[in-house]
């Protein structure tokens, strides 16, 4: 059987030192991977931010034009309501005239 010497034994101090080294290596590795991932994400989302700002300008222009269009539509609707009221008044007046003319015609026929 082989004799064990002090250098062949694994001590707690040796394990602690190796654990710390491995943990530092792992942490450095993981940090590097996360940094690379963040750079990749930033690169991929760069165009999205530009698109978002362009869309905000387009949206503002579109709302300005829609505001004008809605205002024009409301004016036309108000004019249509007034016009319809005038037609109703004219129809009432015409109906009233027809009734009165009919009464006059009936009154003159009897004599």
PDB file of N, CA and C in Angstrom:
ATOM      1  N   UNK A   1       0.809  -1.160   0.000  1.00  0.00           N
ATOM      2  CA  UNK A   1       0.000   0.000   0.000  1.00  0.00           C
ATOM      3  C   UNK A   1       0.866   1.243   0.000  1.00  0.00           C
ATOM      4  N   UNK A   2       0.358   2.244  -0.659  1.00  0.00           N
ATOM      5  CA  UNK A   2       1.129   3.458  -0.818  1.00  0.00           C
ATOM      6  C   UNK A   2       0.996   4.321   0.423  1.00  0.00           C
ATOM      7  N   UNK A   3       2.074   4.910   0.780  1.00  0.00           N
ATOM      8  CA  UNK A   3       2.047   5.802   1.928  1.00  0.00           C
ATOM      9  C   UNK A   3       1.589   7.183   1.467  1.00  0.00           C
ATOM     10  N   UNK A   4       0.785   7.809   2.297  1.00  0.00           N
ATOM     11  CA  UNK A   4       0.317   9.162   1.961  1.00  0.00           C
ATOM     12  C   UNK A   4       1.209  10.172   2.629  1.00  0.00           C
ATOM     13  N   UNK A   5       1.498  11.187   1.890  1.00  0.00           N
ATOM     14  CA  UNK A   5       2.318  12.255   2.449  1.00  0.00           C
ATOM     15  C   UNK A   5       1.441  13.480   2.651  1.00  0.00           C
ATOM     16  N   UNK A   6       1.988  14.477   3.245  1.00  0.00           N
ATOM     17  CA  UNK A   6       1.254  15.707   3.523  1.00  0.00           C
ATOM     18  C   UNK A   6       0.792  16.362   2.217  1.00  0.00           C
ATOM     19  N   UNK A   7       1.583  16.257   1.156  1.00  0.00           N
ATOM     20  CA  UNK A   7       1.233  16.895  -0.114  1.00  0.00           C
ATOM     21  C   UNK A   7       0.114  16.150  -0.835  1.00  0.00           C
ATOM     22  N   UNK A   8      -0.114  14.898  -0.540  1.00  0.00           N
ATOM     23  CA  UNK A   8      -1.180  14.132  -1.179  1.00  0.00           C
ATOM     24  C   UNK A   8      -2.543  14.386  -0.546  1.00  0.00           C
ATOM     25  N   UNK A   9      -2.613  14.898   0.643  1.00  0.00           N
ATOM     26  CA  UNK A   9      -3.880  15.099   1.332  1.00  0.00           C
ATOM     27  C   UNK A   9      -4.535  16.410   0.885  1.00  0.00           C
ATOM     28  N   UNK A  10      -5.817  16.363   0.745  1.00  0.00           N
ATOM     29  CA  UNK A  10      -6.582  17.565   0.395  1.00  0.00           C
ATOM     30  C   UNK A  10      -7.035  18.193   1.703  1.00  0.00           C
ATOM     31  N   UNK A  11      -6.639  19.428   1.881  1.00  0.00           N
ATOM     32  CA  UNK A  11      -6.985  20.102   3.135  1.00  0.00           C
ATOM     33  C   UNK A  11      -8.148  21.054   2.896  1.00  0.00           C
ATOM     34  N   UNK A  12      -8.747  21.471   3.986  1.00  0.00           N
ATOM     35  CA  UNK A  12      -9.849  22.432   3.921  1.00  0.00           C
ATOM     36  C   UNK A  12      -9.349  23.743   3.344  1.00  0.00           C
ATOM     37  N   UNK A  13      -8.184  24.142   3.697  1.00  0.00           N
ATOM     38  CA  UNK A  13      -7.610  25.383   3.185  1.00  0.00           C
ATOM     39  C   UNK A  13      -7.439  25.301   1.662  1.00  0.00           C
ATOM     40  N   UNK A  14      -6.955  24.166   1.178  1.00  0.00           N
ATOM     41  CA  UNK A  14      -6.781  23.971  -0.263  1.00  0.00           C
ATOM     42  C   UNK A  14      -8.137  24.028  -0.974  1.00  0.00           C
ATOM     43  N   UNK A  15      -9.136  23.346  -0.420  1.00  0.00           N
ATOM     44  CA  UNK A  15     -10.470  23.339  -1.034  1.00  0.00           C
ATOM     45  C   UNK A  15     -11.086  24.736  -1.033  1.00  0.00           C
ATOM     46  N   UNK A  16     -10.914  25.464   0.055  1.00  0.00           N
ATOM     47  CA  UNK A  16     -11.450  26.823   0.125  1.00  0.00           C
ATOM     48  C   UNK A  16     -10.822  27.712  -0.944  1.00  0.00           C
ATOM     49  N   UNK A  17      -9.513  27.587  -1.087  1.00  0.00           N
ATOM     50  CA  UNK A  17      -8.792  28.393  -2.080  1.00  0.00           C
ATOM     51  C   UNK A  17      -9.272  28.043  -3.495  1.00  0.00           C
ATOM     52  N   UNK A  18      -9.411  26.739  -3.796  1.00  0.00           N
ATOM     53  CA  UNK A  18      -9.874  26.304  -5.118  1.00  0.00           C
ATOM     54  C   UNK A  18     -11.320  26.751  -5.383  1.00  0.00           C
ATOM     55  N   UNK A  19     -12.136  26.677  -4.337  1.00  0.00           N
ATOM     56  CA  UNK A  19     -13.528  27.099  -4.466  1.00  0.00           C
ATOM     57  C   UNK A  19     -13.599  28.589  -4.801  1.00  0.00           C
ATOM     58  N   UNK A  20     -12.824  29.396  -4.123  1.00  0.00           N
ATOM     59  CA  UNK A  20     -12.796  30.838  -4.378  1.00  0.00           C
ATOM     60  C   UNK A  20     -12.313  31.115  -5.797  1.00  0.00           C
ATOM     61  N   UNK A  21     -11.285  30.405  -6.242  1.00  0.00           N
ATOM     62  CA  UNK A  21     -10.768  30.593  -7.598  1.00  0.00           C
ATOM     63  C   UNK A  21     -11.827  30.225  -8.633  1.00  0.00           C
ATOM     64  N   UNK A  22     -12.483  29.105  -8.421  1.00  0.00           N
ATOM     65  CA  UNK A  22     -13.511  28.655  -9.368  1.00  0.00           C
ATOM     66  C   UNK A  22     -14.704  29.612  -9.376  1.00  0.00           C
ATOM     67  N   UNK A  23     -15.052  30.102  -8.201  1.00  0.00           N
ATOM     68  CA  UNK A  23     -16.175  31.041  -8.118  1.00  0.00           C
ATOM     69  C   UNK A  23     -15.843  32.333  -8.857  1.00  0.00           C
ATOM     70  N   UNK A  24     -14.623  32.835  -8.708  1.00  0.00           N
ATOM     71  CA  UNK A  24     -14.209  34.046  -9.415  1.00  0.00           C
ATOM     72  C   UNK A  24     -14.213  33.808 -10.923  1.00  0.00           C
ATOM     73  N   UNK A  25     -13.698  32.661 -11.339  1.00  0.00           N
ATOM     74  CA  UNK A  25     -13.678  32.325 -12.762  1.00  0.00           C
ATOM     75  C   UNK A  25     -15.109  32.251 -13.308  1.00  0.00           C
ATOM     76  N   UNK A  26     -15.990  31.578 -12.568  1.00  0.00           N
ATOM     77  CA  UNK A  26     -17.381  31.434 -12.996  1.00  0.00           C
ATOM     78  C   UNK A  26     -18.063  32.793 -13.054  1.00  0.00           C
ATOM     79  N   UNK A  27     -17.821  33.613 -12.053  1.00  0.00           N
ATOM     80  CA  UNK A  27     -18.431  34.947 -12.024  1.00  0.00           C
ATOM     81  C   UNK A  27     -17.949  35.794 -13.202  1.00  0.00           C
ATOM     82  N   UNK A  28     -16.675  35.732 -13.488  1.00  0.00           N
ATOM     83  CA  UNK A  28     -16.113  36.476 -14.622  1.00  0.00           C
ATOM     84  C   UNK A  28     -16.706  35.966 -15.932  1.00  0.00           C
ATOM     85  N   UNK A  29     -16.836  34.671 -16.054  1.00  0.00           N
ATOM     86  CA  UNK A  29     -17.407  34.060 -17.259  1.00  0.00           C
ATOM     87  C   UNK A  29     -18.865  34.505 -17.455  1.00  0.00           C
ATOM     88  N   UNK A  30     -19.632  34.433 -16.380  1.00  0.00           N
ATOM     89  CA  UNK A  30     -21.053  34.805 -16.455  1.00  0.00           C
ATOM     90  C   UNK A  30     -21.196  36.300 -16.754  1.00  0.00           C
ATOM     91  N   UNK A  31     -20.373  37.142 -16.099  1.00  0.00           N
ATOM     92  CA  UNK A  31     -20.419  38.581 -16.359  1.00  0.00           C
ATOM     93  C   UNK A  31     -20.101  38.879 -17.825  1.00  0.00           C
ATOM     94  N   UNK A  32     -19.129  38.194 -18.369  1.00  0.00           N
ATOM     95  CA  UNK A  32     -18.776  38.373 -19.779  1.00  0.00           C
ATOM     96  C   UNK A  32     -19.919  37.992 -20.702  1.00  0.00           C
ATOM     97  N   UNK A  33     -20.582  36.887 -20.391  1.00  0.00           N
ATOM     98  CA  UNK A  33     -21.710  36.448 -21.208  1.00  0.00           C
ATOM     99  C   UNK A  33     -22.868  37.445 -21.132  1.00  0.00           C
ATOM    100  N   UNK A  34     -23.151  37.959 -19.931  1.00  0.00           N
ATOM    101  CA  UNK A  34     -24.222  38.941 -19.775  1.00  0.00           C
ATOM    102  C   UNK A  34     -23.884  40.244 -20.499  1.00  0.00           C
ATOM    103  N   UNK A  35     -22.637  40.672 -20.427  1.00  0.00           N
ATOM    104  CA  UNK A  35     -22.224  41.879 -21.145  1.00  0.00           C
ATOM    105  C   UNK A  35     -22.398  41.697 -22.648  1.00  0.00           C
ATOM    106  N   UNK A  36     -21.990  40.549 -23.154  1.00  0.00           N
ATOM    107  CA  UNK A  36     -22.144  40.272 -24.588  1.00  0.00           C
ATOM    108  C   UNK A  36     -23.626  40.250 -24.966  1.00  0.00           C
ATOM    109  N   UNK A  37     -24.452  39.653 -24.132  1.00  0.00           N
ATOM    110  CA  UNK A  37     -25.886  39.598 -24.391  1.00  0.00           C
ATOM    111  C   UNK A  37     -26.494  41.001 -24.393  1.00  0.00           C
ATOM    112  N   UNK A  38     -26.108  41.838 -23.443  1.00  0.00           N
ATOM    113  CA  UNK A  38     -26.637  43.194 -23.377  1.00  0.00           C
ATOM    114  C   UNK A  38     -26.213  44.011 -24.597  1.00  0.00           C
ATOM    115  N   UNK A  39     -24.980  43.844 -25.037  1.00  0.00           N
ATOM    116  CA  UNK A  39     -24.527  44.540 -26.242  1.00  0.00           C
ATOM    117  C   UNK A  39     -25.333  44.079 -27.453  1.00  0.00           C
ATOM    118  N   UNK A  40     -25.593  42.791 -27.539  1.00  0.00           N
ATOM    119  CA  UNK A  40     -26.377  42.249 -28.647  1.00  0.00           C
ATOM    120  C   UNK A  40     -27.797  42.806 -28.626  1.00  0.00           C
ATOM    121  N   UNK A  41     -28.390  42.837 -27.447  1.00  0.00           N
ATOM    122  CA  UNK A  41     -29.755  43.367 -27.318  1.00  0.00           C
ATOM    123  C   UNK A  41     -29.781  44.843 -27.685  1.00  0.00           C
ATOM    124  N   UNK A  42     -28.801  45.609 -27.207  1.00  0.00           N
ATOM    125  CA  UNK A  42     -28.733  47.028 -27.555  1.00  0.00           C
ATOM    126  C   UNK A  42     -28.602  47.221 -29.059  1.00  0.00           C
ATOM    127  N   UNK A  43     -27.770  46.397 -29.683  1.00  0.00           N
ATOM    128  CA  UNK A  43     -27.585  46.485 -31.127  1.00  0.00           C
ATOM    129  C   UNK A  43     -28.897  46.190 -31.858  1.00  0.00           C
ATOM    130  N   UNK A  44     -29.620  45.166 -31.407  1.00  0.00           N
ATOM    131  CA  UNK A  44     -30.866  44.774 -32.069  1.00  0.00           C
ATOM    132  C   UNK A  44     -31.981  45.790 -31.830  1.00  0.00           C
ATOM    133  N   UNK A  45     -32.006  46.441 -30.666  1.00  0.00           N
ATOM    134  CA  UNK A  45     -33.084  47.377 -30.358  1.00  0.00           C
ATOM    135  C   UNK A  45     -32.777  48.799 -30.803  1.00  0.00           C
ATOM    136  N   UNK A  46     -31.592  49.035 -31.331  1.00  0.00           N
ATOM    137  CA  UNK A  46     -31.218  50.369 -31.787  1.00  0.00           C
ATOM    138  C   UNK A  46     -32.192  50.874 -32.849  1.00  0.00           C
ATOM    139  N   UNK A  47     -32.515  50.066 -33.805  1.00  0.00           N
ATOM    140  CA  UNK A  47     -33.446  50.447 -34.865  1.00  0.00           C
ATOM    141  C   UNK A  47     -34.857  50.652 -34.359  1.00  0.00           C
ATOM    142  N   UNK A  48     -35.229  49.927 -33.334  1.00  0.00           N
ATOM    143  CA  UNK A  48     -36.578  50.046 -32.781  1.00  0.00           C
ATOM    144  C   UNK A  48     -36.771  51.427 -32.164  1.00  0.00           C
ATOM    145  N   UNK A  49     -35.768  51.943 -31.479  1.00  0.00           N
ATOM    146  CA  UNK A  49     -35.875  53.272 -30.882  1.00  0.00           C
ATOM    147  C   UNK A  49     -36.038  54.335 -31.967  1.00  0.00           C
ATOM    148  N   UNK A  50     -35.298  54.185 -33.058  1.00  0.00           N
ATOM    149  CA  UNK A  50     -35.421  55.137 -34.165  1.00  0.00           C
ATOM    150  C   UNK A  50     -36.812  55.038 -34.782  1.00  0.00           C
ATOM    151  N   UNK A  51     -37.294  53.839 -34.955  1.00  0.00           N
ATOM    152  CA  UNK A  51     -38.628  53.626 -35.501  1.00  0.00           C
ATOM    153  C   UNK A  51     -39.686  54.208 -34.566  1.00  0.00           C
ATOM    154  N   UNK A  52     -39.495  54.031 -33.287  1.00  0.00           N
ATOM    155  CA  UNK A  52     -40.442  54.551 -32.300  1.00  0.00           C
ATOM    156  C   UNK A  52     -40.520  56.075 -32.377  1.00  0.00           C
ATOM    157  N   UNK A  53     -39.376  56.747 -32.498  1.00  0.00           N
ATOM    158  CA  UNK A  53     -39.388  58.209 -32.583  1.00  0.00           C
ATOM    159  C   UNK A  53     -40.022  58.664 -33.898  1.00  0.00           C
ATOM    160  N   UNK A  54     -39.751  57.958 -34.991  1.00  0.00           N
ATOM    161  CA  UNK A  54     -40.388  58.287 -36.270  1.00  0.00           C
ATOM    162  C   UNK A  54     -41.891  58.092 -36.187  1.00  0.00           C
ATOM    163  N   UNK A  55     -42.314  57.034 -35.538  1.00  0.00           N
ATOM    164  CA  UNK A  55     -43.740  56.759 -35.399  1.00  0.00           C
ATOM    165  C   UNK A  55     -44.416  57.820 -34.544  1.00  0.00           C
ATOM    166  N   UNK A  56     -43.730  58.314 -33.520  1.00  0.00           N
ATOM    167  CA  UNK A  56     -44.307  59.359 -32.670  1.00  0.00           C
ATOM    168  C   UNK A  56     -44.567  60.617 -33.501  1.00  0.00           C
ATOM    169  N   UNK A  57     -43.634  60.972 -34.387  1.00  0.00           N
ATOM    170  CA  UNK A  57     -43.845  62.119 -35.264  1.00  0.00           C
ATOM    171  C   UNK A  57     -44.998  61.896 -36.221  1.00  0.00           C
ATOM    172  N   UNK A  58     -45.076  60.708 -36.786  1.00  0.00           N
ATOM    173  CA  UNK A  58     -46.162  60.372 -37.699  1.00  0.00           C
ATOM    174  C   UNK A  58     -47.506  60.412 -36.977  1.00  0.00           C
ATOM    175  N   UNK A  59     -47.511  59.890 -35.768  1.00  0.00           N
ATOM    176  CA  UNK A  59     -48.737  59.869 -34.978  1.00  0.00           C
ATOM    177  C   UNK A  59     -49.207  61.291 -34.685  1.00  0.00           C
ATOM    178  N   UNK A  60     -48.279  62.178 -34.359  1.00  0.00           N
ATOM    179  CA  UNK A  60     -48.621  63.571 -34.087  1.00  0.00           C
ATOM    180  C   UNK A  60     -49.200  64.232 -35.333  1.00  0.00           C
ATOM    181  N   UNK A  61     -48.560  64.030 -36.481  1.00  0.00           N
ATOM    182  CA  UNK A  61     -49.074  64.596 -37.730  1.00  0.00           C
ATOM    183  C   UNK A  61     -50.459  64.050 -38.056  1.00  0.00           C
ATOM    184  N   UNK A  62     -50.640  62.761 -37.847  1.00  0.00           N
ATOM    185  CA  UNK A  62     -51.916  62.131 -38.142  1.00  0.00           C
ATOM    186  C   UNK A  62     -53.017  62.694 -37.237  1.00  0.00           C
ATOM    187  N   UNK A  63     -52.722  62.887 -35.963  1.00  0.00           N
ATOM    188  CA  UNK A  63     -53.720  63.443 -35.056  1.00  0.00           C
ATOM    189  C   UNK A  63     -54.053  64.886 -35.416  1.00  0.00           C
ATOM    190  N   UNK A  64     -53.062  65.668 -35.861  1.00  0.00           N
ATOM    191  CA  UNK A  64     -53.340  67.037 -36.295  1.00  0.00           C
ATOM    192  C   UNK A  64     -54.302  67.039 -37.476  1.00  0.00           C
ATOM    193  N   UNK A  65     -54.063  66.158 -38.445  1.00  0.00           N
ATOM    194  CA  UNK A  65     -54.936  66.089 -39.611  1.00  0.00           C
ATOM    195  C   UNK A  65     -56.320  65.562 -39.235  1.00  0.00           C
ATOM    196  N   UNK A  66     -56.368  64.600 -38.328  1.00  0.00           N
ATOM    197  CA  UNK A  66     -57.668  64.076 -37.888  1.00  0.00           C
ATOM    198  C   UNK A  66     -58.454  65.131 -37.114  1.00  0.00           C
ATOM    199  N   UNK A  67     -57.761  65.957 -36.326  1.00  0.00           N
ATOM    200  CA  UNK A  67     -58.445  67.038 -35.611  1.00  0.00           C
ATOM    201  C   UNK A  67     -59.115  67.981 -36.594  1.00  0.00           C
ATOM    202  N   UNK A  68     -58.389  68.347 -37.656  1.00  0.00           N
ATOM    203  CA  UNK A  68     -58.969  69.218 -38.670  1.00  0.00           C
ATOM    204  C   UNK A  68     -60.162  68.544 -39.333  1.00  0.00           C
ATOM    205  N   UNK A  69     -60.013  67.280 -39.669  1.00  0.00           N
ATOM    206  CA  UNK A  69     -61.078  66.547 -40.354  1.00  0.00           C
ATOM    207  C   UNK A  69     -62.316  66.415 -39.459  1.00  0.00           C
ATOM    208  N   UNK A  70     -62.113  66.134 -38.203  1.00  0.00           N
ATOM    209  CA  UNK A  70     -63.250  66.015 -37.278  1.00  0.00           C
ATOM    210  C   UNK A  70     -63.948  67.357 -37.133  1.00  0.00           C
ATOM    211  N   UNK A  71     -63.160  68.449 -37.060  1.00  0.00           N
ATOM    212  CA  UNK A  71     -63.759  69.786 -36.985  1.00  0.00           C
ATOM    213  C   UNK A  71     -64.600  70.082 -38.221  1.00  0.00           C
ATOM    214  N   UNK A  72     -64.070  69.746 -39.396  1.00  0.00           N
ATOM    215  CA  UNK A  72     -64.815  69.969 -40.639  1.00  0.00           C
ATOM    216  C   UNK A  72     -66.077  69.125 -40.660  1.00  0.00           C
ATOM    217  N   UNK A  73     -65.980  67.894 -40.214  1.00  0.00           N
ATOM    218  CA  UNK A  73     -67.152  67.014 -40.182  1.00  0.00           C
ATOM    219  C   UNK A  73     -68.220  67.563 -39.228  1.00  0.00           C
ATOM    220  N   UNK A  74     -67.807  68.075 -38.076  1.00  0.00           N
ATOM    221  CA  UNK A  74     -68.771  68.630 -37.115  1.00  0.00           C
ATOM    222  C   UNK A  74     -69.470  69.860 -37.702  1.00  0.00           C
ATOM    223  N   UNK A  75     -68.722  70.711 -38.411  1.00  0.00           N
ATOM    224  CA  UNK A  75     -69.344  71.879 -39.045  1.00  0.00           C
ATOM    225  C   UNK A  75     -70.361  71.437 -40.086  1.00  0.00           C
ATOM    226  N   UNK A  76     -69.997  70.436 -40.903  1.00  0.00           N
ATOM    227  CA  UNK A  76     -70.931  69.934 -41.905  1.00  0.00           C
ATOM    228  C   UNK A  76     -72.172  69.325 -41.259  1.00  0.00           C
ATOM    229  N   UNK A  77     -71.984  68.636 -40.163  1.00  0.00           N
ATOM    230  CA  UNK A  77     -73.116  68.026 -39.469  1.00  0.00           C
ATOM    231  C   UNK A  77     -74.040  69.103 -38.910  1.00  0.00           C
ATOM    232  N   UNK A  78     -73.457  70.162 -38.341  1.00  0.00           N
ATOM    233  CA  UNK A  78     -74.280  71.268 -37.824  1.00  0.00           C
ATOM    234  C   UNK A  78     -75.037  71.947 -38.960  1.00  0.00           C
ATOM    235  N   UNK A  79     -74.373  72.157 -40.103  1.00  0.00           N
ATOM    236  CA  UNK A  79     -75.035  72.755 -41.256  1.00  0.00           C
ATOM    237  C   UNK A  79     -76.161  71.860 -41.756  1.00  0.00           C
ATOM    238  N   UNK A  80     -75.937  70.544 -41.745  1.00  0.00           N
ATOM    239  CA  UNK A  80     -76.979  69.614 -42.179  1.00  0.00           C
ATOM    240  C   UNK A  80     -78.186  69.677 -41.251  1.00  0.00           C
ATOM    241  N   UNK A  81     -77.949  69.804 -39.964  1.00  0.00           N
ATOM    242  CA  UNK A  81     -79.052  69.884 -38.994  1.00  0.00           C
ATOM    243  C   UNK A  81     -79.864  71.153 -39.234  1.00  0.00           C
ATOM    244  N   UNK A  82     -79.163  72.276 -39.426  1.00  0.00           N
ATOM    245  CA  UNK A  82     -79.858  73.541 -39.683  1.00  0.00           C
ATOM    246  C   UNK A  82     -80.639  73.445 -40.991  1.00  0.00           C
ATOM    247  N   UNK A  83     -80.034  72.861 -42.023  1.00  0.00           N
ATOM    248  CA  UNK A  83     -80.681  72.707 -43.318  1.00  0.00           C
ATOM    249  C   UNK A  83     -81.930  71.819 -43.194  1.00  0.00           C
ATOM    250  N   UNK A  84     -81.819  70.744 -42.438  1.00  0.00           N
ATOM    251  CA  UNK A  84     -82.966  69.849 -42.238  1.00  0.00           C
ATOM    252  C   UNK A  84     -84.089  70.577 -41.500  1.00  0.00           C
ATOM    253  N   UNK A  85     -83.737  71.430 -40.546  1.00  0.00           N
ATOM    254  CA  UNK A  85     -84.751  72.195 -39.810  1.00  0.00           C
ATOM    255  C   UNK A  85     -85.455  73.172 -40.755  1.00  0.00           C
ATOM    256  N   UNK A  86     -84.695  73.794 -41.661  1.00  0.00           N
ATOM    257  CA  UNK A  86     -85.304  74.696 -42.649  1.00  0.00           C
ATOM    258  C   UNK A  86     -86.273  73.934 -43.541  1.00  0.00           C
ATOM    259  N   UNK A  87     -85.888  72.741 -43.973  1.00  0.00           N
ATOM    260  CA  UNK A  87     -86.787  71.925 -44.796  1.00  0.00           C
ATOM    261  C   UNK A  87     -88.057  71.578 -44.028  1.00  0.00           C
ATOM    262  N   UNK A  88     -87.922  71.259 -42.766  1.00  0.00           N
ATOM    263  CA  UNK A  88     -89.097  70.922 -41.954  1.00  0.00           C
ATOM    264  C   UNK A  88     -90.025  72.130 -41.845  1.00  0.00           C
ATOM    265  N   UNK A  89     -89.435  73.318 -41.632  1.00  0.00           N
ATOM    266  CA  UNK A  89     -90.255  74.534 -41.547  1.00  0.00           C
ATOM    267  C   UNK A  89     -90.955  74.812 -42.881  1.00  0.00           C
ATOM    268  N   UNK A  90     -90.227  74.639 -43.990  1.00  0.00           N
ATOM    269  CA  UNK A  90     -90.811  74.870 -45.315  1.00  0.00           C
ATOM    270  C   UNK A  90     -91.933  73.864 -45.579  1.00  0.00           C
ATOM    271  N   UNK A  91     -91.733  72.598 -45.194  1.00  0.00           N
ATOM    272  CA  UNK A  91     -92.776  71.575 -45.384  1.00  0.00           C
ATOM    273  C   UNK A  91     -94.026  71.909 -44.572  1.00  0.00           C
ATOM    274  N   UNK A  92     -93.838  72.393 -43.340  1.00  0.00           N
ATOM    275  CA  UNK A  92     -95.000  72.772 -42.517  1.00  0.00           C
ATOM    276  C   UNK A  92     -95.756  73.934 -43.156  1.00  0.00           C
ATOM    277  N   UNK A  93     -94.989  74.915 -43.650  1.00  0.00           N
ATOM    278  CA  UNK A  93     -95.611  76.075 -44.294  1.00  0.00           C
ATOM    279  C   UNK A  93     -96.357  75.643 -45.554  1.00  0.00           C
ATOM    280  N   UNK A  94     -95.739  74.771 -46.359  1.00  0.00           N
ATOM    281  CA  UNK A  94     -96.375  74.277 -47.582  1.00  0.00           C
ATOM    282  C   UNK A  94     -97.644  73.497 -47.253  1.00  0.00           C
ATOM    283  N   UNK A  95     -97.579  72.630 -46.239  1.00  0.00           N
ATOM    284  CA  UNK A  95     -98.772  71.871 -45.826  1.00  0.00           C
ATOM    285  C   UNK A  95     -99.879  72.817 -45.372  1.00  0.00           C
ATOM    286  N   UNK A  96     -99.514  73.850 -44.635  1.00  0.00           N
ATOM    287  CA  UNK A  96    -100.487  74.829 -44.147  1.00  0.00           C
ATOM    288  C   UNK A  96    -101.120  75.561 -45.331  1.00  0.00           C
ATOM    289  N   UNK A  97    -100.297  75.943 -46.323  1.00  0.00           N
ATOM    290  CA  UNK A  97    -100.833  76.622 -47.513  1.00  0.00           C
ATOM    291  C   UNK A  97    -101.767  75.711 -48.292  1.00  0.00           C
ATOM    292  N   UNK A  98    -101.412  74.448 -48.433  1.00  0.00           N
ATOM    293  CA  UNK A  98    -102.264  73.504 -49.163  1.00  0.00           C
ATOM    294  C   UNK A  98    -103.612  73.353 -48.478  1.00  0.00           C
ATOM    295  N   UNK A  99    -103.602  73.295 -47.160  1.00  0.00           N
ATOM    296  CA  UNK A  99    -104.875  73.168 -46.416  1.00  0.00           C
ATOM    297  C   UNK A  99    -105.717  74.417 -46.632  1.00  0.00           C
ATOM    298  N   UNK A 100    -105.095  75.577 -46.526  1.00  0.00           N
ATOM    299  CA  UNK A 100    -105.840  76.835 -46.684  1.00  0.00           C
ATOM    300  C   UNK A 100    -106.355  76.999 -48.115  1.00  0.00           C
ATOM    301  N   UNK A 101    -105.541  76.645 -49.094  1.00  0.00           N
ATOM    302  CA  UNK A 101    -105.983  76.731 -50.492  1.00  0.00           C
ATOM    303  C   UNK A 101    -107.132  75.765 -50.737  1.00  0.00           C
ATOM    304  N   UNK A 102    -107.045  74.576 -50.175  1.00  0.00           N
ATOM    305  CA  UNK A 102    -108.140  73.596 -50.314  1.00  0.00           C
ATOM    306  C   UNK A 102    -109.422  74.123 -49.694  1.00  0.00           C
ATOM    307  N   UNK A 103    -109.308  74.754 -48.536  1.00  0.00           N
ATOM    308  CA  UNK A 103    -110.490  75.316 -47.882  1.00  0.00           C
ATOM    309  C   UNK A 103    -111.091  76.445 -48.730  1.00  0.00           C
ATOM    310  N   UNK A 104    -110.237  77.290 -49.296  1.00  0.00           N
ATOM    311  CA  UNK A 104    -110.723  78.379 -50.145  1.00  0.00           C
ATOM    312  C   UNK A 104    -111.409  77.826 -51.403  1.00  0.00           C
ATOM    313  N   UNK A 105    -110.824  76.797 -52.014  1.00  0.00           N
ATOM    314  CA  UNK A 105    -111.419  76.194 -53.209  1.00  0.00           C
ATOM    315  C   UNK A 105    -112.774  75.578 -52.881  1.00  0.00           C
ATOM    316  N   UNK A 106    -112.866  74.911 -51.755  1.00  0.00           N
ATOM    317  CA  UNK A 106    -114.138  74.294 -51.340  1.00  0.00           C
ATOM    318  C   UNK A 106    -115.177  75.385 -51.024  1.00  0.00           C
ATOM    319  N   UNK A 107    -114.747  76.468 -50.450  1.00  0.00           N
ATOM    320  CA  UNK A 107    -115.658  77.560 -50.081  1.00  0.00           C
ATOM    321  C   UNK A 107    -116.186  78.268 -51.326  1.00  0.00           C
ATOM    322  N   UNK A 108    -115.333  78.415 -52.353  1.00  0.00           N
ATOM    323  CA  UNK A 108    -115.780  79.095 -53.584  1.00  0.00           C
ATOM    324  C   UNK A 108    -116.640  78.176 -54.449  1.00  0.00           C
ATOM    325  N   UNK A 109    -116.549  76.885 -54.373  1.00  0.00           N
ATOM    326  CA  UNK A 109    -117.346  75.974 -55.188  1.00  0.00           C
ATOM    327  C   UNK A 109    -118.786  75.923 -54.702  1.00  0.00           C
ATOM    328  N   UNK A 110    -118.988  76.064 -53.460  1.00  0.00           N
ATOM    329  CA  UNK A 110    -120.326  75.934 -52.888  1.00  0.00           C
ATOM    330  C   UNK A 110    -121.195  77.108 -53.343  1.00  0.00           C
ATOM    331  N   UNK A 111    -120.769  78.255 -53.514  1.00  0.00           N
ATOM    332  CA  UNK A 111    -121.551  79.408 -53.885  1.00  0.00           C
ATOM    333  C   UNK A 111    -121.838  79.454 -55.297  1.00  0.00           C
TER     334      UNK A 111
END
